[in-house]
Amino acid sequence: MYETLEGTVVHAQVANIHGAVFYDVVLQTPEGRRHLRFQDTFLNPPPREGEHLRLELILGNVNEVRRIAAP
């Protein structure tokens, strides 16, 4: 299953898991809030509250993250 999410970052936090850096993000989408986790290799610098992101997911796993302009 392929899914595209667009929304505003409500909360972002860095998580270090076994030496790998991940971002825990709460994204406000038109359908509601989504909690997502993705590795730092997808987005640099880290996401910040208020930013707008587009995430591509495959089978529920983040495959791509891009910053986008505010709607």
C-alpha atoms as a PDB file:
ATOM      1  CA  MET A   1       0.000   0.000   0.000  1.00  0.00           C
ATOM      2  CA  TYR A   2       1.298   3.386  -1.030  1.00  0.00           C
ATOM      3  CA  GLU A   3       0.327   6.521   0.917  1.00  0.00           C
ATOM      4  CA  THR A   4       1.197  10.216   0.671  1.00  0.00           C
ATOM      5  CA  LEU A   5       0.764  12.483   3.687  1.00  0.00           C
ATOM      6  CA  GLU A   6       1.013  16.268   3.761  1.00  0.00           C
ATOM      7  CA  GLY A   7       0.746  18.337   6.888  1.00  0.00           C
ATOM      8  CA  THR A   8       2.199  20.615   9.507  1.00  0.00           C
ATOM      9  CA  VAL A   9       4.693  19.429  12.114  1.00  0.00           C
ATOM     10  CA  VAL A  10       3.032  19.780  15.526  1.00  0.00           C
ATOM     11  CA  HIS A  11       5.864  18.153  17.468  1.00  0.00           C
ATOM     12  CA  ALA A  12       9.307  16.845  16.527  1.00  0.00           C
ATOM     13  CA  GLN A  13      11.826  15.068  18.722  1.00  0.00           C
ATOM     14  CA  VAL A  14      15.161  13.377  18.082  1.00  0.00           C
ATOM     15  CA  ALA A  15      15.452   9.748  19.182  1.00  0.00           C
ATOM     16  CA  ASN A  16      18.750   7.886  19.309  1.00  0.00           C
ATOM     17  CA  ILE A  17      18.108   4.159  18.889  1.00  0.00           C
ATOM     18  CA  HIS A  18      21.138   1.851  19.049  1.00  0.00           C
ATOM     19  CA  GLY A  19      23.365   4.602  17.668  1.00  0.00           C
ATOM     20  CA  ALA A  20      21.047   5.549  14.779  1.00  0.00           C
ATOM     21  CA  VAL A  21      19.270   8.918  14.805  1.00  0.00           C
ATOM     22  CA  PHE A  22      15.526   9.001  14.175  1.00  0.00           C
ATOM     23  CA  TYR A  23      12.939  11.772  14.248  1.00  0.00           C
ATOM     24  CA  ASP A  24       9.644  11.207  16.060  1.00  0.00           C
ATOM     25  CA  VAL A  25       7.142  13.560  14.437  1.00  0.00           C
ATOM     26  CA  VAL A  26       3.504  14.391  15.038  1.00  0.00           C
ATOM     27  CA  LEU A  27       2.050  15.611  11.750  1.00  0.00           C
ATOM     28  CA  GLN A  28      -1.282  17.440  11.553  1.00  0.00           C
ATOM     29  CA  THR A  29      -2.965  16.351   8.314  1.00  0.00           C
ATOM     30  CA  PRO A  30      -6.457  17.248   7.054  1.00  0.00           C
ATOM     31  CA  GLU A  31      -7.593  13.793   8.257  1.00  0.00           C
ATOM     32  CA  GLY A  32      -6.119  14.187  11.757  1.00  0.00           C
ATOM     33  CA  ARG A  33      -2.827  13.800  13.598  1.00  0.00           C
ATOM     34  CA  ARG A  34      -0.346  11.085  12.644  1.00  0.00           C
ATOM     35  CA  HIS A  35       2.625   9.908  14.681  1.00  0.00           C
ATOM     36  CA  LEU A  36       5.578   8.947  12.472  1.00  0.00           C
ATOM     37  CA  ARG A  37       9.193   7.944  12.900  1.00  0.00           C
ATOM     38  CA  PHE A  38      11.876   8.159  10.231  1.00  0.00           C
ATOM     39  CA  GLN A  39      15.648   8.094  10.125  1.00  0.00           C
ATOM     40  CA  ASP A  40      17.675  11.296   9.891  1.00  0.00           C
ATOM     41  CA  THR A  41      18.926  10.312   6.430  1.00  0.00           C
ATOM     42  CA  PHE A  42      15.507  11.293   5.007  1.00  0.00           C
ATOM     43  CA  LEU A  43      15.612  14.939   6.145  1.00  0.00           C
ATOM     44  CA  ASN A  44      18.420  17.293   7.090  1.00  0.00           C
ATOM     45  CA  PRO A  45      18.305  19.539   9.102  1.00  0.00           C
ATOM     46  CA  PRO A  46      15.802  18.030  11.556  1.00  0.00           C
ATOM     47  CA  PRO A  47      12.102  18.898  11.220  1.00  0.00           C
ATOM     48  CA  ARG A  48      10.832  21.840  13.258  1.00  0.00           C
ATOM     49  CA  GLU A  49       7.397  22.642  14.623  1.00  0.00           C
ATOM     50  CA  GLY A  50       5.357  24.641  12.124  1.00  0.00           C
ATOM     51  CA  GLU A  51       7.100  23.260   9.025  1.00  0.00           C
ATOM     52  CA  HIS A  52       5.083  21.620   6.266  1.00  0.00           C
ATOM     53  CA  LEU A  53       6.153  18.173   5.118  1.00  0.00           C
ATOM     54  CA  ARG A  54       5.172  15.672   2.452  1.00  0.00           C
ATOM     55  CA  LEU A  55       5.881  12.062   3.361  1.00  0.00           C
ATOM     56  CA  GLU A  56       5.676   9.058   1.059  1.00  0.00           C
ATOM     57  CA  LEU A  57       4.984   5.755   2.795  1.00  0.00           C
ATOM     58  CA  ILE A  58       5.129   2.197   1.495  1.00  0.00           C
ATOM     59  CA  LEU A  59       3.382  -0.395   3.644  1.00  0.00           C
ATOM     60  CA  GLY A  60       3.323   2.161   6.474  1.00  0.00           C
ATOM     61  CA  ASN A  61       7.075   2.779   6.357  1.00  0.00           C
ATOM     62  CA  VAL A  62       8.451   6.210   5.457  1.00  0.00           C
ATOM     63  CA  ASN A  63      10.174   6.060   2.074  1.00  0.00           C
ATOM     64  CA  GLU A  64      10.684   9.787   1.356  1.00  0.00           C
ATOM     65  CA  VAL A  65      10.328  13.102   3.203  1.00  0.00           C
ATOM     66  CA  ARG A  66      10.285  16.579   1.635  1.00  0.00           C
ATOM     67  CA  ARG A  67       9.720  20.060   2.959  1.00  0.00           C
ATOM     68  CA  ILE A  68       6.928  21.858   1.110  1.00  0.00           C
ATOM     69  CA  ALA A  69       5.506  25.381   1.017  1.00  0.00           C
ATOM     70  CA  ALA A  70       2.649  26.242   3.343  1.00  0.00           C
ATOM     71  CA  PRO A  71      -0.755  25.642   1.748  1.00  0.00           C
END
